Amino acid sequence: MTGSMPGPAGLLGAAPHGIGEALDLVDGFDDALVHGLARLGEDRAAAPVALAAALAATPLGERAREAAEKIAAGSVAGDHLDALAAARAALLGAVHDALLAELDRALERERAAWEEPHATGEAADPFAGSRSWLHELAITGWRGVGHDLLSASAPVLDALWADPDLRRLAVLLDGLAAELRACSPITTADLVPARRWADLWTRALLLARPGGAAAPPAGEVSGRLLILCADVHEHPTAVQVQVHGVLEEPGGARPRLVRASVSAAKVETITGPAVWQLLGDFPVLLGALAGHVSLEIDGMPMLAGGDLLWREDRARPGEAADPFVTARLALPAALAPPTPPLERHPARIAEPVLLEGYTTSRDGDAVTFHLAGADLPVAVDRLPACGPVTPELVAASSACLGLLRWDGGWSIQPTGVQATVRRKPVTAHTGDWALGPAGVKAAKARAAGSDAVAVLKERAGRLLRS
């Protein structure tokens, strides 16, 4: 899209060439997974072959071709499934890279190059059981998943949960098994989330390769962290808050975009503002979100992909720092982090951006920003119930801090807005309620959730004492 004007409006034309065709190949393979790779008809057998053909010129091409041909002939082995999972991930990674390159060009954002970490010695393989179960899923297909196959995940998960170093894969497999169980019987289901389950299957299988679950070595960073926004990921059994910010290091180094994530287990009944109470082990980070202050960090571990491994004892509150001022002054010059290989997927794009000078329109629940002659859909469905940003505020806004995302097209997920309500200026951010909500209605919601949190903590304490 050379020649597009700088800014998000430059993204809103046609997608980069080849993306539609690549996603069609992925969809074909995902449809084969729905019905099982052990019983592919002639039409569906062509899907893995076509997927492999797209990677013919890559180092993975020969292995993918051989695996696809074997599976099409009815001979399915674990190595074949691993190769096709890698091929699928590589194709989606190419889509990710093309989209991110377009975004960086439109925003005039510079991104650091990925540097492959030094290989470490091979450890024992604790993943054989995980791979075996994932292989069986692919052979059987989502339509064929039944009680026996779901029950077979229990000993696999027990082994993973027992080792803290395998917690990442354990959470992923546990979530996939829970979704399959909740949708049973899948044989008669009208709709199967083929892309989502194939994404989870692919990622789990790659993480279950020896060395796949290991994060790149972390260095340590120090300096001033200026918070831009917070993104809340909430599920029935877990909540995670991912904070995006600009890190200013001492010595005149270039500022860079970083992320920090904290999470906690939860139950389905805890929703709305009460979820912040589950993150009470992180008062420094929550205080910075609610109080709009910077953070001084000292020796905080950071992964190669720009993710801080948050340590409360290595951070302290700093001076007041308005996220909108940070976005206007510090964000344009910040160096964006590279994307680790296993994170390359279009659904994982979440780039902080500041939008101003737009108009809005609303049609029912849908809100659209109109800027520079282009329309940008607003992902109001991503607004969390634990914060004060609402569709009404977004529709009335004149400035928006948010995350650019791609799901078949670009959209903006608001995380902070400036608006005029009843002739008064209003500013709201997702993290404003991190230490408690403002307003009678929100306070009542928090109070209702507080009872549930207190009961759960009391029961957990009783179990630990018994």
Protein backbone atom coordinates (compact mmCIF):
# COMPACT_ATOMS: atom_id res chain seq x y z
CA MET A 1 0.00 0.00 0.00
CA THR A 2 2.78 2.39 -0.91
CA GLY A 3 1.59 5.97 -1.06
CA SER A 4 -1.10 5.63 1.62
CA MET A 5 -1.30 8.56 4.00
CA PRO A 6 0.31 7.99 7.41
CA GLY A 7 -2.04 6.81 10.14
CA PRO A 8 -4.62 4.04 10.57
CA ALA A 9 -6.66 5.31 7.59
CA GLY A 10 -3.88 3.99 5.36
CA LEU A 11 -4.74 0.44 6.44
CA LEU A 12 -8.35 0.48 5.38
CA GLY A 13 -7.99 -0.38 1.71
CA ALA A 14 -7.62 -3.83 0.23
CA ALA A 15 -5.74 -6.44 2.25
CA PRO A 16 -2.19 -7.32 1.11
CA HIS A 17 -2.10 -9.59 -1.93
CA GLY A 18 -2.41 -13.29 -1.22
CA ILE A 19 -3.98 -13.11 2.23
CA GLY A 20 -7.41 -14.29 1.06
CA GLU A 21 -5.90 -17.24 -0.79
CA ALA A 22 -3.75 -18.21 2.22
CA LEU A 23 -6.73 -18.15 4.57
CA ASP A 24 -8.75 -20.25 2.13
CA LEU A 25 -6.04 -22.92 2.31
CA VAL A 26 -6.15 -22.81 6.10
CA ASP A 27 -9.96 -23.10 6.04
CA GLY A 28 -9.73 -26.18 3.84
CA PHE A 29 -7.36 -27.91 6.24
CA ASP A 30 -9.50 -26.87 9.22
CA ASP A 31 -12.54 -28.45 7.56
CA ALA A 32 -10.57 -31.68 7.21
CA LEU A 33 -9.84 -31.55 10.96
CA VAL A 34 -13.57 -31.24 11.67
CA HIS A 35 -14.20 -34.63 10.09
CA GLY A 36 -10.92 -36.33 11.03
CA LEU A 37 -7.77 -36.97 9.02
CA ALA A 38 -8.25 -40.74 9.17
CA ARG A 39 -11.34 -40.72 6.97
CA LEU A 40 -10.89 -38.03 4.37
CA GLY A 41 -12.92 -38.21 1.20
CA GLU A 42 -11.38 -37.25 -2.11
CA ASP A 43 -12.35 -33.59 -1.82
CA ARG A 44 -11.10 -33.14 1.73
CA ALA A 45 -7.93 -35.14 1.05
CA ALA A 46 -6.92 -32.39 -1.37
CA ALA A 47 -6.89 -29.79 1.41
CA PRO A 48 -3.69 -30.95 3.22
CA VAL A 49 -1.97 -31.35 -0.17
CA ALA A 50 -2.89 -27.79 -1.16
CA LEU A 51 -1.74 -26.47 2.22
CA ALA A 52 1.63 -28.19 1.80
CA ALA A 53 1.98 -26.96 -1.79
CA ALA A 54 1.82 -23.35 -0.57
CA LEU A 55 5.05 -23.96 1.35
CA ALA A 56 6.88 -25.76 -1.47
CA ALA A 57 9.62 -23.12 -1.70
CA THR A 58 10.27 -23.06 2.07
CA PRO A 59 12.53 -25.30 4.19
CA LEU A 60 9.35 -26.97 5.48
CA GLY A 61 8.07 -27.73 1.99
CA GLU A 62 9.39 -31.25 1.46
CA ARG A 63 8.31 -32.53 4.89
CA ALA A 64 4.88 -30.96 4.51
CA ARG A 65 4.44 -32.44 1.02
CA GLU A 66 5.36 -35.94 2.18
CA ALA A 67 3.07 -35.68 5.21
CA ALA A 68 0.12 -34.46 3.12
CA GLU A 69 0.54 -37.22 0.55
CA LYS A 70 0.76 -39.90 3.25
CA ILE A 71 -2.37 -38.62 4.99
CA ALA A 72 -4.26 -38.34 1.69
CA ALA A 73 -3.35 -42.00 1.08
CA GLY A 74 -4.73 -42.99 4.49
CA SER A 75 -1.41 -43.43 6.30
CA VAL A 76 -1.39 -41.14 9.35
CA ALA A 77 1.62 -40.95 11.66
CA GLY A 78 2.50 -38.53 14.41
CA ASP A 79 5.38 -36.95 12.48
CA HIS A 80 3.00 -36.26 9.57
CA LEU A 81 0.60 -34.42 11.86
CA ASP A 82 3.42 -32.41 13.42
CA ALA A 83 4.60 -31.36 9.95
CA LEU A 84 1.13 -30.23 8.88
CA ALA A 85 0.61 -28.33 12.13
CA ALA A 86 3.89 -26.53 11.44
CA ALA A 87 2.79 -25.84 7.86
CA ARG A 88 -0.50 -24.37 9.01
CA ALA A 89 1.28 -22.20 11.59
CA ALA A 90 3.80 -21.04 8.99
CA LEU A 91 1.07 -19.99 6.56
CA LEU A 92 -0.81 -18.05 9.25
CA GLY A 93 2.53 -16.58 10.33
CA ALA A 94 3.07 -15.27 6.80
CA VAL A 95 -0.39 -13.65 6.92
CA HIS A 96 0.52 -12.09 10.28
CA ASP A 97 3.79 -10.73 8.91
CA ALA A 98 2.14 -9.20 5.85
CA LEU A 99 -0.53 -7.49 7.96
CA LEU A 100 1.96 -6.22 10.53
CA ALA A 101 4.21 -4.84 7.80
CA GLU A 102 1.22 -2.93 6.38
CA LEU A 103 0.38 -1.61 9.84
CA ASP A 104 3.95 -0.48 10.48
CA ARG A 105 4.08 1.30 7.13
CA ALA A 106 0.73 3.03 7.71
CA LEU A 107 1.70 4.16 11.23
CA GLU A 108 5.34 4.85 10.27
CA ARG A 109 6.25 2.57 13.18
CA GLU A 110 9.69 1.00 13.36
CA ARG A 111 9.93 -2.56 14.66
CA ALA A 112 12.93 -4.40 16.05
CA ALA A 113 14.10 -7.49 14.18
CA TRP A 114 13.73 -10.90 15.79
CA GLU A 115 16.98 -12.47 16.95
CA GLU A 116 16.87 -16.20 17.35
CA PRO A 117 18.04 -17.14 20.87
CA HIS A 118 20.92 -19.53 21.33
CA ALA A 119 19.79 -23.14 21.45
CA THR A 120 19.92 -24.81 24.84
CA GLY A 121 20.68 -28.43 25.56
CA GLU A 122 17.89 -30.91 24.89
CA ALA A 123 16.11 -31.97 28.05
CA ALA A 124 14.01 -35.04 28.64
CA ASP A 125 10.80 -35.14 26.60
CA PRO A 126 7.81 -34.78 28.97
CA PHE A 127 5.37 -34.12 26.13
CA ALA A 128 4.89 -37.56 24.55
CA GLY A 129 1.49 -38.05 26.22
CA SER A 130 0.33 -34.59 25.14
CA ARG A 131 1.32 -35.18 21.52
CA SER A 132 -0.31 -38.60 21.50
CA TRP A 133 -3.65 -37.12 22.67
CA LEU A 134 -3.43 -34.26 20.16
CA HIS A 135 -2.62 -36.72 17.38
CA GLU A 136 -5.69 -38.76 18.29
CA LEU A 137 -7.84 -35.63 18.17
CA ALA A 138 -6.73 -34.89 14.62
CA ILE A 139 -7.21 -38.46 13.47
CA THR A 140 -10.67 -38.68 15.01
CA GLY A 141 -11.81 -35.18 14.07
CA TRP A 142 -13.94 -32.79 16.10
CA ARG A 143 -17.13 -34.53 15.01
CA GLY A 144 -15.82 -37.81 16.38
CA VAL A 145 -14.78 -36.62 19.84
CA GLY A 146 -16.57 -38.57 22.54
CA HIS A 147 -16.36 -39.42 26.21
CA ASP A 148 -13.45 -41.85 25.88
CA LEU A 149 -11.21 -39.41 24.06
CA LEU A 150 -12.02 -36.58 26.45
CA SER A 151 -11.38 -38.83 29.45
CA ALA A 152 -7.99 -39.72 28.00
CA SER A 153 -6.91 -36.09 28.50
CA ALA A 154 -7.09 -36.41 32.31
CA PRO A 155 -3.77 -38.24 32.93
CA VAL A 156 -2.06 -36.01 30.35
CA LEU A 157 -3.23 -32.89 32.16
CA ASP A 158 -2.33 -34.30 35.58
CA ALA A 159 1.25 -34.78 34.40
CA LEU A 160 1.44 -31.27 32.96
CA TRP A 161 -0.08 -29.52 35.99
CA ALA A 162 2.40 -31.31 38.26
CA ASP A 163 5.33 -29.44 36.65
CA PRO A 164 5.28 -25.61 36.96
CA ASP A 165 7.54 -25.33 33.89
CA LEU A 166 4.79 -26.93 31.78
CA ARG A 167 2.00 -24.67 33.02
CA ARG A 168 1.69 -22.83 29.68
CA LEU A 169 0.85 -26.02 27.78
CA ALA A 170 -1.31 -27.29 30.65
CA VAL A 171 -3.56 -24.21 30.51
CA LEU A 172 -3.91 -24.51 26.74
CA LEU A 173 -4.77 -28.22 26.71
CA ASP A 174 -7.08 -27.87 29.69
CA GLY A 175 -8.96 -25.09 27.90
CA LEU A 176 -9.27 -27.07 24.67
CA ALA A 177 -10.53 -30.16 26.49
CA ALA A 178 -13.03 -28.04 28.44
CA GLU A 179 -14.41 -26.47 25.25
CA LEU A 180 -14.79 -29.85 23.58
CA ARG A 181 -16.52 -31.23 26.66
CA ALA A 182 -18.88 -28.25 26.86
CA CYS A 183 -19.88 -28.67 23.19
CA SER A 184 -20.50 -32.43 23.36
CA PRO A 185 -22.09 -34.16 21.60
CA ILE A 186 -20.21 -32.49 18.75
CA THR A 187 -21.49 -35.06 16.23
CA THR A 188 -24.88 -33.36 16.14
CA ALA A 189 -23.73 -29.76 16.68
CA ASP A 190 -25.01 -27.32 14.07
CA LEU A 191 -21.86 -25.23 14.14
CA VAL A 192 -18.27 -26.17 14.94
CA PRO A 193 -15.71 -23.38 15.68
CA ALA A 194 -13.29 -24.93 13.21
CA ARG A 195 -10.76 -22.08 13.03
CA ARG A 196 -10.58 -21.63 16.80
CA TRP A 197 -10.16 -25.30 17.63
CA ALA A 198 -7.62 -25.76 14.85
CA ASP A 199 -5.69 -22.77 16.21
CA LEU A 200 -5.65 -24.29 19.70
CA TRP A 201 -4.69 -27.72 18.34
CA THR A 202 -1.87 -26.30 16.21
CA ARG A 203 -0.43 -24.16 18.98
CA ALA A 204 -0.62 -26.98 21.52
CA LEU A 205 1.09 -29.44 19.19
CA LEU A 206 3.95 -27.03 18.48
CA LEU A 207 4.35 -26.23 22.19
CA ALA A 208 4.44 -29.96 22.90
CA ARG A 209 7.54 -30.41 20.78
CA PRO A 210 10.76 -30.64 22.84
CA GLY A 211 11.89 -27.06 23.42
CA GLY A 212 8.64 -25.62 22.07
CA ALA A 213 7.30 -24.45 25.44
CA ALA A 214 10.52 -22.74 26.43
CA ALA A 215 10.43 -18.93 26.26
CA PRO A 216 13.48 -17.10 24.88
CA PRO A 217 15.95 -16.15 27.61
CA ALA A 218 15.02 -13.00 29.49
CA GLY A 219 17.23 -10.01 30.08
CA GLU A 220 16.62 -7.34 32.70
CA VAL A 221 15.53 -3.76 32.07
CA SER A 222 15.25 -0.63 34.18
CA GLY A 223 13.75 2.79 33.64
CA ARG A 224 10.44 4.64 33.55
CA LEU A 225 7.35 2.77 32.34
CA LEU A 226 4.65 5.05 30.91
CA ILE A 227 1.34 3.21 30.69
CA LEU A 228 -0.72 3.53 27.51
CA CYS A 229 -3.60 1.12 28.03
CA ALA A 230 -4.85 -2.09 29.60
CA ASP A 231 -6.49 -5.02 27.83
CA VAL A 232 -8.57 -7.44 29.93
CA HIS A 233 -8.88 -11.06 28.83
CA GLU A 234 -11.62 -12.74 30.83
CA HIS A 235 -12.76 -16.35 30.71
CA PRO A 236 -14.97 -18.36 33.09
CA THR A 237 -11.94 -19.76 34.93
CA ALA A 238 -9.25 -17.11 34.46
CA VAL A 239 -8.64 -13.39 34.05
CA GLN A 240 -5.56 -11.69 32.62
CA VAL A 241 -4.75 -8.00 32.38
CA GLN A 242 -2.20 -7.07 29.73
CA VAL A 243 -0.74 -3.58 30.09
CA HIS A 244 0.83 -1.84 27.09
CA GLY A 245 3.33 0.93 27.74
CA VAL A 246 6.43 2.81 26.65
CA LEU A 247 9.67 2.03 28.49
CA GLU A 248 12.19 4.86 28.78
CA GLU A 249 15.55 3.42 29.79
CA PRO A 250 18.42 5.45 31.27
CA GLY A 251 21.42 6.47 29.18
CA GLY A 252 19.52 7.92 26.23
CA ALA A 253 18.40 4.57 24.77
CA ARG A 254 15.48 4.72 22.36
CA PRO A 255 12.09 4.26 24.07
CA ARG A 256 10.37 0.98 23.26
CA LEU A 257 6.93 -0.51 23.40
CA VAL A 258 6.55 -3.23 26.03
CA ARG A 259 3.81 -5.31 27.61
CA ALA A 260 3.25 -6.60 31.13
CA SER A 261 0.68 -9.26 31.97
CA VAL A 262 -0.74 -10.44 35.29
CA SER A 263 -3.37 -13.12 35.74
CA ALA A 264 -5.41 -15.03 38.29
CA ALA A 265 -7.78 -17.97 38.46
CA LYS A 266 -11.49 -17.23 38.85
CA VAL A 267 -14.92 -18.81 38.76
CA GLU A 268 -17.71 -17.98 36.34
CA THR A 269 -19.79 -16.12 38.94
CA ILE A 270 -17.12 -13.45 39.45
CA THR A 271 -17.59 -10.86 36.71
CA GLY A 272 -17.61 -7.10 36.22
CA PRO A 273 -15.57 -4.81 38.50
CA ALA A 274 -15.08 -7.63 41.03
CA VAL A 275 -12.49 -9.34 38.81
CA TRP A 276 -9.93 -6.69 39.81
CA GLN A 277 -10.01 -8.05 43.37
CA LEU A 278 -8.63 -11.34 42.09
CA LEU A 279 -5.47 -9.47 41.09
CA GLY A 280 -4.82 -8.13 44.58
CA ASP A 281 -1.28 -9.54 44.55
CA PHE A 282 -0.30 -6.76 42.14
CA PRO A 283 -1.10 -3.50 44.01
CA VAL A 284 1.71 -1.50 42.39
CA LEU A 285 0.57 -2.24 38.84
CA LEU A 286 -3.13 -1.81 39.65
CA GLY A 287 -2.39 1.44 41.49
CA ALA A 288 -0.60 2.81 38.44
CA LEU A 289 -3.57 1.91 36.22
CA ALA A 290 -6.12 3.49 38.50
CA GLY A 291 -4.04 6.52 39.45
CA HIS A 292 -2.54 7.26 36.01
CA VAL A 293 1.03 7.37 37.27
CA SER A 294 4.26 6.13 35.73
CA LEU A 295 6.25 3.27 37.22
CA GLU A 296 9.95 3.16 38.00
CA ILE A 297 11.20 -0.36 37.35
CA ASP A 298 14.57 -1.76 38.37
CA GLY A 299 15.92 -5.04 37.02
CA MET A 300 12.59 -6.26 35.62
CA PRO A 301 12.99 -9.45 33.53
CA MET A 302 11.90 -9.06 29.90
CA LEU A 303 11.52 -11.62 27.13
CA ALA A 304 12.84 -11.07 23.62
CA GLY A 305 9.31 -10.36 22.35
CA GLY A 306 8.89 -7.29 24.57
CA ASP A 307 6.98 -8.93 27.42
CA LEU A 308 7.96 -7.93 30.94
CA LEU A 309 7.85 -10.77 33.46
CA TRP A 310 6.11 -8.68 36.08
CA ARG A 311 7.68 -8.54 39.56
CA GLU A 312 5.95 -6.25 42.05
CA ASP A 313 9.10 -5.91 44.16
CA ARG A 314 10.95 -4.39 41.20
CA ALA A 315 8.50 -1.57 40.54
CA ARG A 316 7.46 1.53 42.45
CA PRO A 317 5.04 4.36 41.65
CA GLY A 318 6.43 7.39 39.87
CA GLU A 319 5.01 10.71 38.75
CA ALA A 320 1.60 11.40 37.23
CA ALA A 321 1.43 10.32 33.58
CA ASP A 322 -1.67 10.87 31.44
CA PRO A 323 -1.99 7.98 28.92
CA PHE A 324 -3.21 10.36 26.20
CA VAL A 325 -0.16 12.59 26.69
CA THR A 326 2.06 9.48 26.56
CA ALA A 327 0.37 8.42 23.32
CA ARG A 328 0.84 11.84 21.73
CA LEU A 329 4.45 12.43 22.81
CA ALA A 330 6.14 9.07 23.48
CA LEU A 331 4.33 6.50 21.32
CA PRO A 332 5.34 7.83 17.86
CA ALA A 333 9.07 7.47 18.57
CA ALA A 334 8.90 4.13 20.43
CA LEU A 335 10.50 1.05 18.90
CA ALA A 336 7.98 -1.79 18.55
CA PRO A 337 9.04 -5.27 19.71
CA PRO A 338 9.57 -8.21 17.35
CA THR A 339 7.11 -11.09 17.29
CA PRO A 340 8.36 -14.49 18.54
CA PRO A 341 7.88 -17.26 15.94
CA LEU A 342 5.11 -19.13 17.78
CA GLU A 343 3.19 -15.87 18.37
CA ARG A 344 2.85 -15.09 14.66
CA HIS A 345 -0.89 -15.28 14.04
CA PRO A 346 -3.23 -12.54 12.77
CA ALA A 347 -5.52 -12.96 15.78
CA ARG A 348 -2.65 -11.97 18.08
CA ILE A 349 -2.10 -8.55 16.51
CA ALA A 350 -2.88 -5.89 19.13
CA GLU A 351 -1.01 -2.66 18.39
CA PRO A 352 -1.55 0.45 20.57
CA VAL A 353 -2.61 3.52 18.61
CA LEU A 354 -4.08 6.97 19.24
CA LEU A 355 -6.96 8.15 17.04
CA GLU A 356 -8.08 11.78 16.84
CA GLY A 357 -9.96 13.92 14.37
CA TYR A 358 -12.59 11.33 13.52
CA THR A 359 -16.38 11.35 13.53
CA THR A 360 -18.55 8.51 14.75
CA SER A 361 -21.78 6.80 13.77
CA ARG A 362 -23.82 4.20 15.57
CA ASP A 363 -26.22 1.61 14.17
CA GLY A 364 -27.69 -0.45 17.01
CA ASP A 365 -24.75 -2.03 18.82
CA ALA A 366 -22.29 -1.23 16.01
CA VAL A 367 -20.05 1.85 16.26
CA THR A 368 -17.86 3.09 13.39
CA PHE A 369 -15.13 5.70 13.30
CA HIS A 370 -14.87 7.77 10.12
CA LEU A 371 -11.39 9.17 9.54
CA ALA A 372 -9.72 10.58 6.44
CA GLY A 373 -12.49 9.27 4.23
CA ALA A 374 -12.26 5.71 5.54
CA ASP A 375 -14.42 3.67 7.93
CA LEU A 376 -12.89 1.81 10.86
CA PRO A 377 -15.19 -0.59 12.76
CA VAL A 378 -15.05 -0.37 16.55
CA ALA A 379 -14.83 -3.69 18.40
CA VAL A 380 -17.33 -2.75 21.09
CA ASP A 381 -17.80 -6.46 21.82
CA ARG A 382 -14.29 -6.41 23.30
CA LEU A 383 -15.12 -3.74 25.89
CA PRO A 384 -14.76 -5.43 29.30
CA ALA A 385 -17.49 -5.15 31.93
CA CYS A 386 -14.85 -4.40 34.57
CA GLY A 387 -14.10 -0.91 33.23
CA PRO A 388 -15.96 2.37 32.63
CA VAL A 389 -15.52 2.50 28.83
CA THR A 390 -18.94 1.84 27.26
CA PRO A 391 -20.28 1.85 23.68
CA GLU A 392 -22.12 5.08 24.50
CA LEU A 393 -18.89 6.81 25.57
CA VAL A 394 -17.08 5.47 22.51
CA ALA A 395 -19.81 6.79 20.21
CA ALA A 396 -19.55 10.23 21.87
CA SER A 397 -15.74 10.32 21.82
CA SER A 398 -13.41 12.71 20.05
CA ALA A 399 -10.16 10.88 20.89
CA CYS A 400 -9.55 7.17 21.39
CA LEU A 401 -6.64 5.15 22.73
CA GLY A 402 -6.95 1.57 21.62
CA LEU A 403 -5.53 -1.57 20.08
CA LEU A 404 -5.63 -2.17 16.34
CA ARG A 405 -6.73 -5.73 15.62
CA TRP A 406 -7.40 -7.82 12.53
CA ASP A 407 -10.17 -10.39 12.12
CA GLY A 408 -10.94 -10.54 8.43
CA GLY A 409 -10.44 -6.76 8.44
CA TRP A 410 -9.02 -4.07 10.70
CA SER A 411 -10.88 -2.81 13.76
CA ILE A 412 -10.09 -0.76 16.84
CA GLN A 413 -10.57 -2.00 20.39
CA PRO A 414 -11.01 1.10 22.59
CA THR A 415 -9.12 1.11 25.88
CA GLY A 416 -9.46 4.81 26.66
CA VAL A 417 -11.62 7.65 25.33
CA GLN A 418 -12.08 11.38 25.66
CA ALA A 419 -15.67 12.47 25.14
CA THR A 420 -18.17 15.21 25.91
CA VAL A 421 -21.20 14.08 27.90
CA ARG A 422 -23.89 16.62 28.83
CA ARG A 423 -21.52 19.40 27.81
CA LYS A 424 -18.83 18.18 30.21
CA PRO A 425 -15.50 16.61 29.20
CA VAL A 426 -15.16 12.97 30.26
CA THR A 427 -12.08 10.75 30.14
CA ALA A 428 -12.30 7.02 30.82
CA HIS A 429 -9.81 4.15 30.66
CA THR A 430 -10.25 0.40 31.07
CA GLY A 431 -7.97 0.39 34.13
CA ASP A 432 -9.69 3.25 35.97
CA TRP A 433 -11.54 0.79 38.23
CA ALA A 434 -8.47 -1.31 39.08
CA LEU A 435 -8.72 -0.18 42.74
CA GLY A 436 -12.49 0.10 42.80
CA PRO A 437 -15.21 1.56 40.57
CA ALA A 438 -16.70 5.03 40.62
CA GLY A 439 -20.44 5.54 40.54
CA VAL A 440 -23.24 3.91 42.51
CA LYS A 441 -24.11 1.24 39.93
CA ALA A 442 -20.51 0.10 39.48
CA ALA A 443 -19.87 0.12 43.21
CA LYS A 444 -22.88 -2.15 43.78
CA ALA A 445 -21.57 -4.55 41.15
CA ARG A 446 -18.20 -4.65 42.87
CA ALA A 447 -19.83 -5.19 46.26
CA ALA A 448 -21.84 -8.11 44.92
CA GLY A 449 -18.70 -9.65 43.49
CA SER A 450 -16.80 -9.02 46.73
CA ASP A 451 -19.04 -11.46 48.55
CA ALA A 452 -18.23 -14.20 46.04
CA VAL A 453 -14.49 -13.47 46.24
CA ALA A 454 -14.57 -13.56 50.06
CA VAL A 455 -16.42 -16.88 50.09
CA LEU A 456 -13.98 -18.43 47.63
CA LYS A 457 -10.95 -17.24 49.61
CA GLU A 458 -12.41 -18.62 52.82
CA ARG A 459 -13.13 -22.00 51.22
CA ALA A 460 -9.67 -22.13 49.67
CA GLY A 461 -8.10 -21.39 53.06
CA ARG A 462 -10.18 -24.13 54.66
CA LEU A 463 -9.04 -26.65 52.02
CA LEU A 464 -5.40 -25.72 52.53
CA ARG A 465 -5.73 -26.16 56.32
CA SER A 466 -7.44 -29.54 56.04
